[in-house]
Amino acid sequence: MPLIDISIAKGRGEQQLRGFIAAVHQAAVDTVDAADENITVIVREVEHEHWSRGNQTIAERR
């Protein structure tokens, strides 16, 4: 059962979030050998300071 857990910065509207979830879900359906109803996509909105790329947070890169 594929689980996709994504963190993005706060500030998007509900329509944008739903569109993002739908696009990620469809990408998983297209690439993972799993039934559509078995794929779960979770999107968490977080503050920028919690983000990281590589081994540094965005705050550390400033």
N, C-alpha and C. Protein backbone atom coordinates (compact mmCIF):
# COMPACT_ATOMS: atom_id res chain seq x y z
N MET A 1 0.84 -1.17 0.00
CA MET A 1 0.00 0.00 0.00
C MET A 1 0.89 1.25 0.00
N PRO A 2 1.08 1.92 -1.13
CA PRO A 2 1.95 3.09 -1.20
C PRO A 2 1.42 4.25 -0.37
N LEU A 3 2.33 4.86 0.40
CA LEU A 3 2.03 6.04 1.18
C LEU A 3 3.00 7.13 0.76
N ILE A 4 2.48 8.25 0.32
CA ILE A 4 3.30 9.38 -0.11
C ILE A 4 3.05 10.52 0.86
N ASP A 5 4.09 10.94 1.57
CA ASP A 5 3.97 11.97 2.61
C ASP A 5 4.86 13.14 2.21
N ILE A 6 4.24 14.29 1.92
CA ILE A 6 4.95 15.46 1.40
C ILE A 6 4.73 16.64 2.34
N SER A 7 5.80 17.41 2.58
CA SER A 7 5.69 18.65 3.34
C SER A 7 5.93 19.82 2.40
N ILE A 8 5.04 20.81 2.46
CA ILE A 8 5.20 22.02 1.66
C ILE A 8 4.99 23.23 2.56
N ALA A 9 5.45 24.38 2.10
CA ALA A 9 5.31 25.61 2.88
C ALA A 9 3.85 26.01 3.00
N LYS A 10 3.50 26.62 4.11
CA LYS A 10 2.14 27.13 4.30
C LYS A 10 1.85 28.24 3.32
N GLY A 11 0.58 28.48 3.09
CA GLY A 11 0.20 29.63 2.29
C GLY A 11 -0.58 29.32 1.02
N ARG A 12 -0.85 28.07 0.77
CA ARG A 12 -1.62 27.72 -0.42
C ARG A 12 -3.10 27.60 -0.08
N GLY A 13 -3.93 27.87 -1.05
CA GLY A 13 -5.36 27.74 -0.84
C GLY A 13 -5.81 26.29 -0.93
N GLU A 14 -7.04 26.04 -0.50
CA GLU A 14 -7.57 24.68 -0.51
C GLU A 14 -7.59 24.10 -1.92
N GLN A 15 -7.96 24.90 -2.90
CA GLN A 15 -8.03 24.43 -4.28
C GLN A 15 -6.64 24.03 -4.78
N GLN A 16 -5.62 24.82 -4.45
CA GLN A 16 -4.26 24.48 -4.84
C GLN A 16 -3.81 23.17 -4.20
N LEU A 17 -4.11 23.00 -2.91
CA LEU A 17 -3.72 21.78 -2.21
C LEU A 17 -4.41 20.56 -2.81
N ARG A 18 -5.70 20.68 -3.07
CA ARG A 18 -6.43 19.55 -3.67
C ARG A 18 -5.89 19.21 -5.05
N GLY A 19 -5.56 20.22 -5.83
CA GLY A 19 -4.97 19.99 -7.15
C GLY A 19 -3.62 19.31 -7.05
N PHE A 20 -2.81 19.73 -6.09
CA PHE A 20 -1.49 19.13 -5.88
C PHE A 20 -1.63 17.66 -5.46
N ILE A 21 -2.54 17.40 -4.53
CA ILE A 21 -2.77 16.02 -4.08
C ILE A 21 -3.24 15.16 -5.25
N ALA A 22 -4.16 15.67 -6.04
CA ALA A 22 -4.67 14.91 -7.19
C ALA A 22 -3.55 14.61 -8.19
N ALA A 23 -2.67 15.59 -8.44
CA ALA A 23 -1.57 15.39 -9.39
C ALA A 23 -0.57 14.35 -8.88
N VAL A 24 -0.24 14.42 -7.59
CA VAL A 24 0.69 13.44 -7.01
C VAL A 24 0.06 12.06 -7.02
N HIS A 25 -1.22 11.99 -6.67
CA HIS A 25 -1.92 10.70 -6.68
C HIS A 25 -1.91 10.10 -8.08
N GLN A 26 -2.21 10.92 -9.10
CA GLN A 26 -2.22 10.41 -10.47
C GLN A 26 -0.84 9.97 -10.90
N ALA A 27 0.20 10.70 -10.51
CA ALA A 27 1.57 10.29 -10.85
C ALA A 27 1.89 8.94 -10.23
N ALA A 28 1.44 8.71 -9.01
CA ALA A 28 1.66 7.41 -8.36
C ALA A 28 0.89 6.30 -9.09
N VAL A 29 -0.34 6.57 -9.46
CA VAL A 29 -1.14 5.59 -10.21
C VAL A 29 -0.43 5.21 -11.51
N ASP A 30 0.16 6.21 -12.17
CA ASP A 30 0.82 5.98 -13.45
C ASP A 30 2.15 5.23 -13.32
N THR A 31 2.80 5.29 -12.15
CA THR A 31 4.15 4.73 -12.04
C THR A 31 4.29 3.57 -11.05
N VAL A 32 3.36 3.41 -10.14
CA VAL A 32 3.46 2.37 -9.12
C VAL A 32 2.44 1.27 -9.42
N ASP A 33 2.86 0.06 -9.27
CA ASP A 33 1.97 -1.07 -9.53
C ASP A 33 1.07 -1.29 -8.31
N ALA A 34 0.08 -0.43 -8.16
CA ALA A 34 -0.87 -0.52 -7.05
C ALA A 34 -2.21 0.00 -7.52
N ALA A 35 -3.25 -0.51 -6.92
CA ALA A 35 -4.60 -0.06 -7.27
C ALA A 35 -4.80 1.38 -6.78
N ASP A 36 -5.56 2.13 -7.54
CA ASP A 36 -5.83 3.54 -7.24
C ASP A 36 -6.29 3.73 -5.80
N GLU A 37 -7.19 2.90 -5.33
CA GLU A 37 -7.75 3.07 -3.98
C GLU A 37 -6.76 2.70 -2.88
N ASN A 38 -5.62 2.08 -3.23
CA ASN A 38 -4.62 1.71 -2.23
C ASN A 38 -3.52 2.74 -2.06
N ILE A 39 -3.55 3.80 -2.84
CA ILE A 39 -2.52 4.84 -2.77
C ILE A 39 -3.02 5.97 -1.87
N THR A 40 -2.19 6.33 -0.89
CA THR A 40 -2.54 7.41 0.03
C THR A 40 -1.52 8.54 -0.13
N VAL A 41 -2.02 9.76 -0.31
CA VAL A 41 -1.17 10.93 -0.41
C VAL A 41 -1.49 11.85 0.76
N ILE A 42 -0.46 12.20 1.52
CA ILE A 42 -0.61 13.12 2.65
C ILE A 42 0.23 14.35 2.34
N VAL A 43 -0.36 15.53 2.45
CA VAL A 43 0.38 16.78 2.27
C VAL A 43 0.28 17.56 3.56
N ARG A 44 1.43 17.89 4.13
CA ARG A 44 1.50 18.66 5.37
C ARG A 44 2.01 20.06 5.06
N GLU A 45 1.34 21.05 5.60
CA GLU A 45 1.82 22.42 5.46
C GLU A 45 2.68 22.75 6.68
N VAL A 46 3.90 23.21 6.44
CA VAL A 46 4.83 23.50 7.52
C VAL A 46 5.43 24.90 7.34
N GLU A 47 6.03 25.41 8.40
CA GLU A 47 6.77 26.67 8.34
C GLU A 47 8.05 26.44 7.53
N HIS A 48 8.55 27.47 6.90
CA HIS A 48 9.76 27.35 6.09
C HIS A 48 10.95 26.79 6.87
N GLU A 49 11.07 27.15 8.13
CA GLU A 49 12.23 26.74 8.91
C GLU A 49 12.32 25.22 9.07
N HIS A 50 11.22 24.52 8.85
CA HIS A 50 11.26 23.07 9.00
C HIS A 50 11.68 22.36 7.72
N TRP A 51 11.76 23.10 6.65
CA TRP A 51 12.16 22.51 5.38
C TRP A 51 13.64 22.20 5.37
N SER A 52 14.04 21.30 4.53
CA SER A 52 15.46 21.06 4.33
C SER A 52 15.70 20.62 2.90
N ARG A 53 16.87 20.91 2.44
CA ARG A 53 17.35 20.41 1.14
C ARG A 53 18.73 19.84 1.44
N GLY A 54 18.94 18.62 1.05
CA GLY A 54 20.22 18.01 1.38
C GLY A 54 20.34 17.89 2.88
N ASN A 55 21.40 18.46 3.43
CA ASN A 55 21.60 18.35 4.88
C ASN A 55 21.49 19.68 5.60
N GLN A 56 20.92 20.71 4.95
CA GLN A 56 20.74 22.01 5.59
C GLN A 56 19.28 22.44 5.50
N THR A 57 18.81 23.07 6.58
CA THR A 57 17.47 23.65 6.51
C THR A 57 17.56 24.95 5.71
N ILE A 58 16.43 25.44 5.26
CA ILE A 58 16.41 26.70 4.53
C ILE A 58 16.93 27.83 5.44
N ALA A 59 16.60 27.79 6.72
CA ALA A 59 17.08 28.81 7.66
C ALA A 59 18.61 28.80 7.71
N GLU A 60 19.20 27.63 7.68
CA GLU A 60 20.67 27.53 7.72
C GLU A 60 21.32 28.05 6.44
N ARG A 61 20.61 27.99 5.35
CA ARG A 61 21.16 28.46 4.07
C ARG A 61 21.14 29.98 3.96
N ARG A 62 20.35 30.66 4.78
CA ARG A 62 20.23 32.12 4.69
C ARG A 62 21.48 32.81 5.15
